[in-house]
Each structure stands twice: as structure tokens, then as C-alpha cells.
Amino acid sequence: MLIRFKKSMEKIAMGLLSFMPEEKDVKKLQQTMQQYEEDPNWQLYLWKVEEDVLAAIGVEINPDEKTVIVQHITVNPSHRDMGIGRKMIEEIRSLYEDEYRVVPNDLTDSFLNKCD
């Protein structure tokens, strides 16, 4: 189930985002988290199964272009290849389908293409 990020889940979210090669540097990761916490157009969602948070997906809403840009998508390595990433993309698409088109950035392009 996709849930909205809350400050109380910051360490879990940072751990998940740190699996992305671009977020390995602690300062970069802190800047990313700050962006999700402070910018209302940047939204971070976590994938929760029972009590476990297994994955994260972050999007940037661009109201001018009516797009939702997938900035980050990451799944705990021990839960990869189980379709969680694909399910998160489907949930994001259904969340925003009435107003926005979900598009990738350069880093998420190949994964989103695999999902289509």
C-alpha cells in the first residue's frame, strides 16, 4: 500500500533513497529529503506491507505542464523483482490520472519504460 511520507518515517525513507546510486552521498541525500519536506510540489510516498516499509517513490508535480515527474524509485534489495516498483508506478498513475500525466526523469526513464 502506498502511503504519504511523514517526518516520523524520515530515517526509513533516507535508508531506502540511499540505495539509489545518485543518493549515496549523505549531503546529497539530506538535500533530497529537505526538498521533499519543504517543497509542496515534491511528494514522497512509501510502500508499506503490514508493518514493513519496503520501497519509496518520489515525484515532482509540475502544474504548468500537467506532469508528475518520477524523481526517485527505490525498493529494498531483499524485496526486488517482486513487482513492487511496478505497483508503485501504477498507484502513482491512478493517484494523479485525472489531472496529470506521469513521466520519468533521466534516472527513472528506463524503469518507467519497462513498466509500460
N, C-alpha and C. Protein backbone atom coordinates (compact mmCIF):
# COMPACT_ATOMS: atom_id res chain seq x y z
N MET A 1 0.83 -1.16 0.00
CA MET A 1 0.00 0.00 0.00
C MET A 1 0.89 1.24 0.00
N LEU A 2 0.54 2.20 -0.83
CA LEU A 2 1.27 3.45 -0.94
C LEU A 2 0.78 4.41 0.14
N ILE A 3 1.73 4.93 0.93
CA ILE A 3 1.37 5.90 1.97
C ILE A 3 2.22 7.15 1.81
N ARG A 4 1.69 8.26 2.22
CA ARG A 4 2.41 9.53 2.13
C ARG A 4 3.49 9.59 3.19
N PHE A 5 4.64 10.09 2.84
CA PHE A 5 5.77 10.26 3.76
C PHE A 5 5.39 11.19 4.91
N LYS A 6 5.81 10.80 6.12
CA LYS A 6 5.68 11.64 7.31
C LYS A 6 7.06 11.80 7.92
N LYS A 7 7.28 12.91 8.59
CA LYS A 7 8.58 13.20 9.21
C LYS A 7 9.04 12.06 10.13
N SER A 8 8.10 11.39 10.78
CA SER A 8 8.46 10.29 11.68
C SER A 8 9.08 9.11 10.94
N MET A 9 8.96 9.08 9.63
CA MET A 9 9.50 7.98 8.81
C MET A 9 10.77 8.40 8.07
N GLU A 10 11.35 9.50 8.51
CA GLU A 10 12.49 10.06 7.78
C GLU A 10 13.67 9.09 7.67
N LYS A 11 14.03 8.42 8.75
CA LYS A 11 15.18 7.51 8.70
C LYS A 11 14.93 6.34 7.74
N ILE A 12 13.72 5.82 7.75
CA ILE A 12 13.37 4.73 6.83
C ILE A 12 13.46 5.23 5.39
N ALA A 13 12.90 6.41 5.14
CA ALA A 13 12.91 6.97 3.78
C ALA A 13 14.34 7.24 3.32
N MET A 14 15.16 7.79 4.20
CA MET A 14 16.56 8.05 3.84
C MET A 14 17.30 6.74 3.54
N GLY A 15 17.03 5.72 4.32
CA GLY A 15 17.66 4.42 4.07
C GLY A 15 17.29 3.87 2.71
N LEU A 16 16.01 3.99 2.37
CA LEU A 16 15.57 3.49 1.06
C LEU A 16 16.17 4.32 -0.08
N LEU A 17 16.14 5.64 0.05
CA LEU A 17 16.69 6.50 -1.00
C LEU A 17 18.19 6.29 -1.16
N SER A 18 18.87 5.91 -0.09
CA SER A 18 20.32 5.72 -0.17
C SER A 18 20.71 4.53 -1.05
N PHE A 19 19.74 3.67 -1.39
CA PHE A 19 20.02 2.56 -2.32
C PHE A 19 20.20 3.07 -3.75
N MET A 20 19.76 4.30 -4.01
CA MET A 20 19.93 4.87 -5.36
C MET A 20 21.36 5.40 -5.48
N PRO A 21 22.06 5.06 -6.56
CA PRO A 21 23.46 5.49 -6.70
C PRO A 21 23.65 7.00 -6.57
N GLU A 22 22.69 7.79 -7.04
CA GLU A 22 22.82 9.24 -7.01
C GLU A 22 22.64 9.81 -5.61
N GLU A 23 22.16 9.01 -4.69
CA GLU A 23 21.87 9.47 -3.33
C GLU A 23 22.82 8.86 -2.29
N LYS A 24 23.95 8.33 -2.72
CA LYS A 24 24.89 7.71 -1.80
C LYS A 24 25.54 8.72 -0.86
N ASP A 25 25.82 9.93 -1.36
CA ASP A 25 26.45 10.97 -0.57
C ASP A 25 25.45 11.50 0.46
N VAL A 26 25.87 11.53 1.72
CA VAL A 26 24.96 11.93 2.81
C VAL A 26 24.44 13.36 2.62
N LYS A 27 25.30 14.27 2.21
CA LYS A 27 24.85 15.66 1.99
C LYS A 27 23.79 15.74 0.89
N LYS A 28 23.99 15.02 -0.19
CA LYS A 28 23.02 14.99 -1.29
C LYS A 28 21.70 14.39 -0.81
N LEU A 29 21.80 13.31 -0.05
CA LEU A 29 20.60 12.66 0.49
C LEU A 29 19.84 13.60 1.42
N GLN A 30 20.55 14.33 2.25
CA GLN A 30 19.89 15.29 3.15
C GLN A 30 19.20 16.40 2.36
N GLN A 31 19.84 16.87 1.29
CA GLN A 31 19.23 17.89 0.44
C GLN A 31 17.96 17.35 -0.22
N THR A 32 18.01 16.11 -0.67
CA THR A 32 16.84 15.49 -1.29
C THR A 32 15.69 15.41 -0.28
N MET A 33 15.98 14.96 0.93
CA MET A 33 14.94 14.85 1.95
C MET A 33 14.37 16.23 2.28
N GLN A 34 15.23 17.22 2.34
CA GLN A 34 14.77 18.59 2.61
C GLN A 34 13.83 19.07 1.51
N GLN A 35 14.15 18.74 0.27
CA GLN A 35 13.30 19.10 -0.87
C GLN A 35 11.91 18.49 -0.70
N TYR A 36 11.86 17.20 -0.34
CA TYR A 36 10.56 16.54 -0.16
C TYR A 36 9.79 17.11 1.04
N GLU A 37 10.49 17.54 2.06
CA GLU A 37 9.83 18.07 3.25
C GLU A 37 9.34 19.50 3.07
N GLU A 38 10.05 20.29 2.28
CA GLU A 38 9.74 21.72 2.22
C GLU A 38 9.00 22.17 0.97
N ASP A 39 9.20 21.50 -0.15
CA ASP A 39 8.58 21.92 -1.40
C ASP A 39 7.26 21.19 -1.61
N PRO A 40 6.14 21.91 -1.63
CA PRO A 40 4.84 21.23 -1.77
C PRO A 40 4.67 20.51 -3.11
N ASN A 41 5.48 20.83 -4.11
CA ASN A 41 5.40 20.15 -5.41
C ASN A 41 6.22 18.86 -5.44
N TRP A 42 6.99 18.62 -4.40
CA TRP A 42 7.76 17.38 -4.31
C TRP A 42 7.08 16.49 -3.28
N GLN A 43 6.66 15.31 -3.70
CA GLN A 43 5.93 14.39 -2.82
C GLN A 43 6.66 13.06 -2.75
N LEU A 44 6.81 12.55 -1.54
CA LEU A 44 7.46 11.27 -1.33
C LEU A 44 6.43 10.30 -0.76
N TYR A 45 6.39 9.11 -1.33
CA TYR A 45 5.47 8.06 -0.89
C TYR A 45 6.28 6.82 -0.54
N LEU A 46 5.78 6.08 0.43
CA LEU A 46 6.44 4.84 0.84
C LEU A 46 5.50 3.67 0.58
N TRP A 47 6.07 2.52 0.29
CA TRP A 47 5.28 1.31 0.04
C TRP A 47 5.36 0.46 1.30
N LYS A 48 4.22 0.26 1.92
CA LYS A 48 4.15 -0.45 3.19
C LYS A 48 3.36 -1.74 3.02
N VAL A 49 3.90 -2.83 3.53
CA VAL A 49 3.23 -4.12 3.56
C VAL A 49 3.19 -4.54 5.04
N GLU A 50 1.98 -4.62 5.57
CA GLU A 50 1.77 -4.85 7.00
C GLU A 50 2.53 -3.77 7.77
N GLU A 51 3.53 -4.11 8.55
CA GLU A 51 4.27 -3.10 9.32
C GLU A 51 5.60 -2.71 8.68
N ASP A 52 5.93 -3.33 7.55
CA ASP A 52 7.23 -3.10 6.92
C ASP A 52 7.14 -2.09 5.78
N VAL A 53 8.07 -1.14 5.77
CA VAL A 53 8.19 -0.20 4.66
C VAL A 53 9.28 -0.76 3.75
N LEU A 54 8.90 -1.10 2.51
CA LEU A 54 9.80 -1.83 1.62
C LEU A 54 10.36 -1.00 0.48
N ALA A 55 9.73 0.15 0.18
CA ALA A 55 10.13 0.89 -1.01
C ALA A 55 9.68 2.35 -0.90
N ALA A 56 10.21 3.16 -1.81
CA ALA A 56 9.84 4.58 -1.83
C ALA A 56 9.78 5.06 -3.28
N ILE A 57 8.90 6.02 -3.50
CA ILE A 57 8.81 6.68 -4.80
C ILE A 57 8.59 8.17 -4.56
N GLY A 58 9.37 8.96 -5.22
CA GLY A 58 9.27 10.41 -5.08
C GLY A 58 8.94 11.05 -6.40
N VAL A 59 8.03 12.01 -6.35
CA VAL A 59 7.59 12.68 -7.57
C VAL A 59 7.64 14.19 -7.41
N GLU A 60 7.77 14.86 -8.55
CA GLU A 60 7.69 16.31 -8.61
C GLU A 60 6.48 16.67 -9.45
N ILE A 61 5.58 17.42 -8.87
CA ILE A 61 4.37 17.84 -9.60
C ILE A 61 4.69 19.13 -10.32
N ASN A 62 4.46 19.13 -11.64
CA ASN A 62 4.66 20.32 -12.45
C ASN A 62 3.30 20.77 -12.98
N PRO A 63 2.63 21.69 -12.24
CA PRO A 63 1.28 22.10 -12.63
C PRO A 63 1.23 22.79 -14.00
N ASP A 64 2.30 23.49 -14.36
CA ASP A 64 2.31 24.22 -15.64
C ASP A 64 2.24 23.26 -16.82
N GLU A 65 2.96 22.16 -16.72
CA GLU A 65 2.99 21.18 -17.82
C GLU A 65 2.04 20.02 -17.59
N LYS A 66 1.32 20.04 -16.46
CA LYS A 66 0.38 18.98 -16.10
C LYS A 66 1.06 17.61 -16.09
N THR A 67 2.26 17.58 -15.48
CA THR A 67 3.00 16.33 -15.39
C THR A 67 3.38 16.03 -13.94
N VAL A 68 3.56 14.77 -13.67
CA VAL A 68 4.13 14.29 -12.41
C VAL A 68 5.40 13.56 -12.81
N ILE A 69 6.54 14.12 -12.43
CA ILE A 69 7.83 13.58 -12.83
C ILE A 69 8.34 12.64 -11.74
N VAL A 70 8.58 11.39 -12.08
CA VAL A 70 9.11 10.43 -11.11
C VAL A 70 10.60 10.74 -10.94
N GLN A 71 10.94 11.26 -9.76
CA GLN A 71 12.32 11.64 -9.46
C GLN A 71 13.12 10.49 -8.87
N HIS A 72 12.48 9.71 -8.01
CA HIS A 72 13.16 8.61 -7.33
C HIS A 72 12.23 7.40 -7.27
N ILE A 73 12.79 6.24 -7.42
CA ILE A 73 12.06 4.99 -7.18
C ILE A 73 13.08 3.98 -6.69
N THR A 74 12.80 3.41 -5.53
CA THR A 74 13.75 2.50 -4.91
C THR A 74 13.02 1.44 -4.10
N VAL A 75 13.55 0.23 -4.15
CA VAL A 75 12.99 -0.90 -3.41
C VAL A 75 14.12 -1.54 -2.61
N ASN A 76 13.83 -1.89 -1.38
CA ASN A 76 14.79 -2.60 -0.56
C ASN A 76 15.34 -3.78 -1.36
N PRO A 77 16.66 -3.94 -1.44
CA PRO A 77 17.24 -5.01 -2.26
C PRO A 77 16.69 -6.41 -1.97
N SER A 78 16.34 -6.70 -0.75
CA SER A 78 15.83 -8.04 -0.44
C SER A 78 14.39 -8.25 -0.90
N HIS A 79 13.76 -7.19 -1.42
CA HIS A 79 12.39 -7.31 -1.92
C HIS A 79 12.27 -6.93 -3.41
N ARG A 80 13.38 -6.89 -4.09
CA ARG A 80 13.36 -6.55 -5.52
C ARG A 80 12.87 -7.73 -6.34
N ASP A 81 12.49 -7.44 -7.57
CA ASP A 81 11.99 -8.45 -8.52
C ASP A 81 10.71 -9.12 -8.03
N MET A 82 9.92 -8.37 -7.27
CA MET A 82 8.63 -8.88 -6.78
C MET A 82 7.47 -8.03 -7.30
N GLY A 83 7.79 -7.06 -8.18
CA GLY A 83 6.74 -6.23 -8.76
C GLY A 83 6.37 -5.02 -7.95
N ILE A 84 7.09 -4.72 -6.88
CA ILE A 84 6.75 -3.59 -6.02
C ILE A 84 6.93 -2.26 -6.77
N GLY A 85 8.01 -2.12 -7.50
CA GLY A 85 8.24 -0.88 -8.27
C GLY A 85 7.12 -0.63 -9.26
N ARG A 86 6.73 -1.66 -9.97
CA ARG A 86 5.65 -1.56 -10.94
C ARG A 86 4.34 -1.17 -10.25
N LYS A 87 4.07 -1.77 -9.09
CA LYS A 87 2.85 -1.44 -8.34
C LYS A 87 2.86 0.01 -7.89
N MET A 88 4.03 0.51 -7.48
CA MET A 88 4.11 1.92 -7.06
C MET A 88 3.82 2.84 -8.24
N ILE A 89 4.35 2.52 -9.40
CA ILE A 89 4.08 3.33 -10.60
C ILE A 89 2.58 3.32 -10.91
N GLU A 90 1.96 2.15 -10.84
CA GLU A 90 0.52 2.05 -11.09
C GLU A 90 -0.27 2.91 -10.10
N GLU A 91 0.11 2.87 -8.82
CA GLU A 91 -0.58 3.66 -7.80
C GLU A 91 -0.41 5.16 -8.05
N ILE A 92 0.80 5.57 -8.41
CA ILE A 92 1.04 6.99 -8.70
C ILE A 92 0.20 7.41 -9.90
N ARG A 93 0.18 6.59 -10.92
CA ARG A 93 -0.63 6.91 -12.10
C ARG A 93 -2.10 7.06 -11.73
N SER A 94 -2.61 6.16 -10.91
CA SER A 94 -4.03 6.25 -10.55
C SER A 94 -4.30 7.43 -9.62
N LEU A 95 -3.33 7.79 -8.79
CA LEU A 95 -3.48 8.94 -7.90
C LEU A 95 -3.64 10.25 -8.69
N TYR A 96 -2.87 10.38 -9.75
CA TYR A 96 -2.81 11.64 -10.49
C TYR A 96 -3.50 11.59 -11.85
N GLU A 97 -4.14 10.49 -12.21
CA GLU A 97 -4.64 10.30 -13.58
C GLU A 97 -5.64 11.34 -14.05
N ASP A 98 -6.40 11.92 -13.16
CA ASP A 98 -7.41 12.88 -13.60
C ASP A 98 -6.83 14.19 -14.11
N GLU A 99 -5.68 14.59 -13.55
CA GLU A 99 -5.14 15.91 -13.90
C GLU A 99 -3.76 15.89 -14.54
N TYR A 100 -2.99 14.85 -14.26
CA TYR A 100 -1.58 14.86 -14.66
C TYR A 100 -1.18 13.60 -15.41
N ARG A 101 -0.11 13.75 -16.17
CA ARG A 101 0.50 12.63 -16.88
C ARG A 101 1.79 12.29 -16.15
N VAL A 102 2.00 11.02 -15.83
CA VAL A 102 3.20 10.59 -15.11
C VAL A 102 4.32 10.37 -16.12
N VAL A 103 5.45 11.04 -15.89
CA VAL A 103 6.60 10.95 -16.80
C VAL A 103 7.87 10.71 -15.98
N PRO A 104 8.89 10.14 -16.61
CA PRO A 104 10.15 9.88 -15.90
C PRO A 104 11.10 11.08 -15.99
N ASN A 105 12.13 11.07 -15.15
CA ASN A 105 13.27 11.94 -15.38
C ASN A 105 14.35 11.06 -16.02
N ASP A 106 15.55 11.59 -16.20
CA ASP A 106 16.61 10.80 -16.85
C ASP A 106 16.94 9.53 -16.06
N LEU A 107 16.88 9.61 -14.74
CA LEU A 107 17.27 8.48 -13.91
C LEU A 107 16.21 7.39 -13.83
N THR A 108 14.95 7.76 -14.00
CA THR A 108 13.86 6.78 -13.87
C THR A 108 13.28 6.36 -15.21
N ASP A 109 13.82 6.91 -16.29
CA ASP A 109 13.30 6.66 -17.63
C ASP A 109 13.26 5.17 -18.00
N SER A 110 14.38 4.48 -17.81
CA SER A 110 14.42 3.07 -18.24
C SER A 110 13.44 2.22 -17.44
N PHE A 111 13.30 2.51 -16.13
CA PHE A 111 12.36 1.72 -15.34
C PHE A 111 10.91 1.98 -15.76
N LEU A 112 10.55 3.23 -15.96
CA LEU A 112 9.19 3.53 -16.38
C LEU A 112 8.87 2.94 -17.74
N ASN A 113 9.84 2.92 -18.63
CA ASN A 113 9.63 2.29 -19.94
C ASN A 113 9.39 0.79 -19.79
N LYS A 114 10.05 0.14 -18.84
CA LYS A 114 9.84 -1.28 -18.58
C LYS A 114 8.43 -1.53 -18.05
N CYS A 115 7.88 -0.55 -17.35
CA CYS A 115 6.54 -0.71 -16.75
C CYS A 115 5.42 -0.56 -17.78
N ASP A 116 5.72 0.05 -18.92
CA ASP A 116 4.68 0.26 -19.94
C ASP A 116 4.47 -0.96 -20.81
